[in-house]
C-alpha cells in the first residue's frame, strides 16, 4: 500500500514538473532550434539554400528519369515523378524527426545541467527543427505538382495543413525509444537499420501492390503518405479522416513518450 502510494505521489510530482516546464518550453525550444540551424549553416555561403538542395536533387532525379522514359509505373493517379518525390520527402521528414529525437539524450546532459533547461524545451526544439525541415520540402512537392498542372490552391492548403503529421509523428516515435538508448547503445543503430529499408515498404517510392500490400495494414507511415497524396490531388472526407485518426494516435504516443522522456531526463541525465 505504501509502495503504491509512493509511486502515485512520484507520478503526480512528475506531472506537475512536466506542466511546469511547458510555460518556457516554446520560447527556449525555438531559441535552441534556431541556434542549431544557425550553427549548421553559419559557415556556408549559400546559407539556408543548402536545406533545399537535397529535396531539389531528389525531384530533379525523378523528373529526369520520367522525361527519359527510364522509369515509369502504370496504374497511378499521378505522374510517377510526383508520386516518388512526395513519398520520399514525406518519409524523410518522418525519419529525420525520429532519429533527431532518438539521439537527443546524447546532448541533453550539458543543455539541461548547464542552462537550467527543462526537458520540454529540448522536446520543443526537436519539434521546431522537424517542422523546419518540412518547410524546406513541402514547396518542392507543391512546385512539382503545379509544374505538372495538377495543383489547385485549396488542395495545396489542405496538404500544408496535414503535412505536419509526418514531422510530429517522427518526433513522437523518436521520443518513445530515446530512453531505451540509455540501456542499449545498439538500439539507435538498430532503429536506423530497420527504418531505412521501410522507405520501400511504406509506399514512398513504389506503390504497394500484390504481396507487398500487406505492409499497408497497420502501418501509419504508409497510410499517412498515401492519404497526403490524395489530399494533394483529389481530397475527400474518406482520405482526411484517416489522417485525423493518425494524428490522434500521435497525440497519445506523444503524451506517453513525454512522461517517459521527462522521467528519464530527470533521473539519468
Protein backbone atom coordinates (compact mmCIF):
# COMPACT_ATOMS: atom_id res chain seq x y z
CA UNK A 1 0.00 0.00 0.00
CA UNK A 2 2.82 2.36 0.91
CA UNK A 3 4.65 1.40 -2.29
CA UNK A 4 1.66 2.21 -4.50
CA UNK A 5 1.11 5.46 -2.61
CA UNK A 6 4.75 6.45 -3.13
CA UNK A 7 4.53 5.59 -6.83
CA UNK A 8 1.37 7.66 -7.19
CA UNK A 9 2.99 10.57 -5.38
CA UNK A 10 6.06 10.38 -7.61
CA UNK A 11 3.93 10.24 -10.76
CA UNK A 12 1.91 13.22 -9.55
CA UNK A 13 5.10 15.17 -8.88
CA UNK A 14 6.42 14.27 -12.33
CA UNK A 15 3.24 15.51 -13.99
CA UNK A 16 3.44 18.78 -12.06
CA UNK A 17 7.08 19.19 -13.12
CA UNK A 18 6.16 18.39 -16.74
CA UNK A 19 3.46 21.03 -16.93
CA UNK A 20 5.70 23.45 -15.07
CA UNK A 21 8.25 23.16 -17.86
CA UNK A 22 5.66 23.78 -20.58
CA UNK A 23 5.44 27.53 -19.94
CA UNK A 24 9.01 28.25 -21.01
CA UNK A 25 9.37 25.36 -23.48
CA UNK A 26 8.18 27.09 -26.69
CA UNK A 27 10.47 30.10 -26.30
CA UNK A 28 13.51 28.14 -25.16
CA UNK A 29 12.85 25.42 -27.71
CA UNK A 30 12.61 27.97 -30.51
CA UNK A 31 15.86 29.63 -29.43
CA UNK A 32 17.62 26.28 -29.22
CA UNK A 33 16.35 25.16 -32.64
CA UNK A 34 17.28 28.50 -34.22
CA UNK A 35 20.76 28.26 -32.70
CA UNK A 36 21.26 24.74 -34.05
CA UNK A 37 20.14 25.79 -37.52
CA UNK A 38 22.43 28.82 -37.49
CA UNK A 39 25.39 26.70 -36.39
CA UNK A 40 24.69 24.22 -39.16
CA UNK A 41 24.72 26.86 -41.92
CA UNK A 42 26.75 29.75 -40.48
CA UNK A 43 29.97 28.85 -42.31
CA UNK A 44 28.30 28.33 -45.70
CA UNK A 45 27.99 30.96 -48.39
CA UNK A 46 24.56 29.81 -49.56
CA UNK A 47 23.10 29.52 -46.06
CA UNK A 48 19.62 28.02 -45.84
CA UNK A 49 19.62 27.26 -49.56
CA UNK A 50 21.50 24.08 -48.64
CA UNK A 51 18.35 22.86 -46.91
CA UNK A 52 16.59 23.00 -50.29
CA UNK A 53 19.33 21.24 -52.25
CA UNK A 54 18.57 17.66 -51.15
CA UNK A 55 14.83 17.77 -51.95
CA UNK A 56 15.59 19.64 -55.18
CA UNK A 57 18.12 16.97 -56.16
CA UNK A 58 15.62 14.19 -55.43
CA UNK A 59 12.97 15.94 -57.52
CA UNK A 60 15.46 16.54 -60.35
CA UNK A 61 16.48 12.88 -60.49
CA UNK A 62 12.93 11.58 -60.80
CA UNK A 63 11.94 14.27 -63.29
CA UNK A 64 14.92 13.27 -65.44
CA UNK A 65 14.02 9.58 -65.17
CA UNK A 66 10.42 10.31 -66.14
CA UNK A 67 11.43 12.53 -69.06
CA UNK A 68 13.79 9.89 -70.44
CA UNK A 69 11.22 7.13 -70.04
CA UNK A 70 13.71 5.11 -68.00
CA UNK A 71 11.37 4.68 -65.06
CA UNK A 72 7.59 4.71 -65.18
CA UNK A 73 4.95 2.86 -63.20
CA UNK A 74 1.45 2.32 -64.55
CA UNK A 75 -1.79 2.43 -62.61
CA UNK A 76 -1.03 5.60 -60.64
CA UNK A 77 -3.35 8.58 -60.27
CA UNK A 78 -0.39 10.95 -60.74
CA UNK A 79 2.90 11.04 -62.64
CA UNK A 80 5.45 8.69 -61.12
CA UNK A 81 7.89 11.55 -60.54
CA UNK A 82 5.36 13.31 -58.28
CA UNK A 83 4.44 10.00 -56.62
CA UNK A 84 8.06 9.21 -55.76
CA UNK A 85 9.18 12.72 -54.80
CA UNK A 86 6.20 13.32 -52.50
CA UNK A 87 6.61 9.91 -50.85
CA UNK A 88 10.36 10.21 -50.34
CA UNK A 89 10.17 13.71 -48.87
CA UNK A 90 7.30 12.81 -46.53
CA UNK A 91 9.16 9.69 -45.41
CA UNK A 92 12.45 11.56 -45.00
CA UNK A 93 10.76 14.14 -42.79
CA UNK A 94 9.39 11.37 -40.57
CA UNK A 95 12.77 9.61 -40.47
CA UNK A 96 14.76 12.77 -39.70
CA UNK A 97 12.40 13.73 -36.86
CA UNK A 98 12.61 10.22 -35.42
CA UNK A 99 16.41 9.99 -35.50
CA UNK A 100 16.83 13.54 -34.18
CA UNK A 101 14.67 12.70 -31.16
CA UNK A 102 16.21 9.27 -30.71
CA UNK A 103 19.71 10.71 -30.32
CA UNK A 104 18.68 13.73 -28.24
CA UNK A 105 19.77 12.24 -24.91
CA UNK A 106 23.39 12.46 -26.05
CA UNK A 107 23.26 16.25 -25.89
CA UNK A 108 20.77 16.58 -23.05
CA UNK A 109 23.21 16.46 -20.13
CA UNK A 110 25.04 19.68 -20.96
CA UNK A 111 21.97 21.59 -22.04
CA UNK A 112 19.80 20.77 -19.05
CA UNK A 113 22.55 20.79 -16.46
CA UNK A 114 24.30 23.99 -17.53
CA UNK A 115 21.37 26.12 -18.66
CA UNK A 116 18.62 25.03 -16.24
CA UNK A 117 16.59 24.00 -19.27
CA UNK A 118 13.58 21.71 -18.72
CA UNK A 119 13.28 18.57 -20.86
CA UNK A 120 10.21 20.09 -22.52
CA UNK A 121 12.38 22.78 -24.11
CA UNK A 122 14.56 20.16 -25.78
CA UNK A 123 11.44 18.36 -26.99
CA UNK A 124 10.09 21.58 -28.48
CA UNK A 125 13.44 22.23 -30.15
CA UNK A 126 13.15 18.89 -31.93
CA UNK A 127 9.58 19.70 -32.98
CA UNK A 128 10.69 23.06 -34.42
CA UNK A 129 13.67 21.55 -36.23
CA UNK A 130 11.50 18.84 -37.73
CA UNK A 131 8.95 21.43 -38.88
CA UNK A 132 11.81 23.48 -40.35
CA UNK A 133 12.85 20.51 -42.50
CA UNK A 134 9.23 20.06 -43.52
CA UNK A 135 9.04 23.71 -44.60
CA UNK A 136 12.03 23.11 -46.87
CA UNK A 137 10.37 20.12 -48.53
CA UNK A 138 6.70 20.99 -48.91
CA UNK A 139 7.38 23.75 -51.51
CA UNK A 140 9.23 21.19 -53.65
CA UNK A 141 6.21 18.87 -53.68
CA UNK A 142 3.78 21.72 -54.36
CA UNK A 143 6.03 23.19 -57.04
CA UNK A 144 6.33 19.85 -58.83
CA UNK A 145 2.56 19.32 -58.72
CA UNK A 146 1.98 22.86 -60.03
CA UNK A 147 4.54 22.40 -62.82
CA UNK A 148 2.63 19.33 -63.98
CA UNK A 149 -0.68 21.20 -63.90
CA UNK A 150 -2.13 19.10 -61.09
CA UNK A 151 -2.34 21.57 -58.22
CA UNK A 152 -5.35 23.55 -57.01
CA UNK A 153 -4.96 26.15 -54.29
CA UNK A 154 -7.45 24.58 -51.88
CA UNK A 155 -5.69 21.22 -52.20
CA UNK A 156 -2.35 22.92 -51.57
CA UNK A 157 -3.69 24.47 -48.35
CA UNK A 158 -5.05 21.11 -47.20
CA UNK A 159 -1.73 19.41 -47.93
CA UNK A 160 0.15 22.11 -45.99
CA UNK A 161 -2.25 21.78 -43.04
CA UNK A 162 -1.97 17.98 -42.89
CA UNK A 163 1.72 17.50 -43.68
CA UNK A 164 2.98 18.27 -40.12
CA UNK A 165 1.58 14.86 -39.15
CA UNK A 166 4.67 13.19 -40.63
CA UNK A 167 7.07 15.55 -38.83
CA UNK A 168 5.36 15.27 -35.43
CA UNK A 169 4.93 11.53 -35.84
CA UNK A 170 8.66 11.07 -36.32
CA UNK A 171 9.44 13.14 -33.23
CA UNK A 172 6.92 11.18 -31.14
CA UNK A 173 8.37 7.81 -32.18
CA UNK A 174 11.91 9.00 -31.51
CA UNK A 175 10.97 10.30 -28.06
CA UNK A 176 9.33 6.97 -27.25
CA UNK A 177 12.50 5.00 -27.97
CA UNK A 178 15.00 7.59 -26.70
CA UNK A 179 15.02 6.42 -23.03
CA UNK A 180 15.88 2.88 -24.14
CA UNK A 181 19.09 4.12 -25.78
CA UNK A 182 20.47 4.52 -22.25
CA UNK A 183 20.03 0.78 -21.74
CA UNK A 184 21.42 -0.34 -25.09
CA UNK A 185 23.64 1.65 -27.41
CA UNK A 186 22.70 -0.77 -30.19
CA UNK A 187 19.11 0.48 -30.26
CA UNK A 188 19.89 3.69 -32.14
CA UNK A 189 21.76 1.76 -34.83
CA UNK A 190 19.09 -0.94 -34.98
CA UNK A 191 16.28 1.58 -35.47
CA UNK A 192 18.20 3.26 -38.30
CA UNK A 193 19.00 -0.05 -40.00
CA UNK A 194 15.39 -1.25 -39.77
CA UNK A 195 13.82 2.09 -40.71
CA UNK A 196 15.78 2.76 -43.90
CA UNK A 197 14.51 -0.30 -45.83
CA UNK A 198 11.00 0.62 -44.71
CA UNK A 199 11.26 3.52 -47.15
CA UNK A 200 10.49 0.99 -49.86
CA UNK A 201 7.87 -0.89 -47.82
CA UNK A 202 5.78 2.17 -46.97
CA UNK A 203 4.67 3.08 -50.48
CA UNK A 204 7.03 6.04 -50.59
CA UNK A 205 8.90 5.16 -53.80
CA UNK A 206 6.77 2.43 -55.39
CA UNK A 207 3.11 1.51 -54.90
CA UNK A 208 2.45 -1.42 -52.59
CA UNK A 209 0.69 -3.94 -54.81
CA UNK A 210 0.34 -7.70 -54.81
CA UNK A 211 2.03 -9.38 -51.88
CA UNK A 212 3.54 -6.09 -50.72
CA UNK A 213 0.06 -4.73 -49.98
CA UNK A 214 0.30 -6.44 -46.58
CA UNK A 215 2.66 -3.67 -45.47
CA UNK A 216 -0.18 -1.15 -45.77
CA UNK A 217 -2.09 -2.73 -42.92
CA UNK A 218 -1.21 -1.38 -39.50
CA UNK A 219 1.45 0.90 -40.98
CA UNK A 220 0.61 4.50 -40.06
CA UNK A 221 3.55 5.83 -42.09
CA UNK A 222 2.31 4.17 -45.27
CA UNK A 223 -1.23 5.37 -44.52
CA UNK A 224 -0.03 8.95 -43.97
CA UNK A 225 1.96 9.00 -47.20
CA UNK A 226 -0.94 7.62 -49.23
CA UNK A 227 -3.59 9.92 -47.75
CA UNK A 228 -1.39 13.03 -48.05
CA UNK A 229 -1.03 12.28 -51.75
CA UNK A 230 -4.82 12.14 -52.06
CA UNK A 231 -5.10 15.44 -50.16
CA UNK A 232 -2.73 16.96 -52.68
CA UNK A 233 -4.67 15.93 -55.78
CA UNK A 234 -8.17 14.63 -55.03
CA UNK A 235 -9.13 15.12 -51.38
CA UNK A 236 -12.30 13.76 -49.85
CA UNK A 237 -13.57 13.10 -46.35
CA UNK A 238 -12.64 9.42 -46.70
CA UNK A 239 -8.99 10.47 -47.12
CA UNK A 240 -8.97 13.21 -44.48
CA UNK A 241 -10.50 11.15 -41.65
CA UNK A 242 -7.68 8.55 -41.59
CA UNK A 243 -5.19 11.37 -41.15
CA UNK A 244 -7.15 12.63 -38.14
CA UNK A 245 -7.05 9.12 -36.66
CA UNK A 246 -3.28 9.01 -37.20
CA UNK A 247 -2.99 12.45 -35.58
CA UNK A 248 -4.93 11.21 -32.53
CA UNK A 249 -2.60 8.23 -32.29
CA UNK A 250 0.42 10.53 -32.48
CA UNK A 251 -1.01 12.69 -29.69
CA UNK A 252 -1.50 9.62 -27.48
CA UNK A 253 2.01 8.36 -28.22
CA UNK A 254 3.44 11.83 -27.62
CA UNK A 255 1.84 12.01 -24.16
CA UNK A 256 3.25 8.61 -23.16
CA UNK A 257 6.65 9.48 -24.64
CA UNK A 258 6.66 12.86 -22.91
CA UNK A 259 6.15 11.28 -19.49
CA UNK A 260 8.86 8.64 -20.03
CA UNK A 261 11.27 11.13 -21.60
CA UNK A 262 10.83 13.61 -18.75
CA UNK A 263 11.35 10.95 -16.08
CA UNK A 264 14.44 9.66 -17.87
CA UNK A 265 15.97 13.11 -18.26
CA UNK A 266 15.44 13.98 -14.61
CA UNK A 267 16.65 10.62 -13.32
CA UNK A 268 19.65 9.81 -15.50
CA UNK A 269 20.80 12.96 -17.32
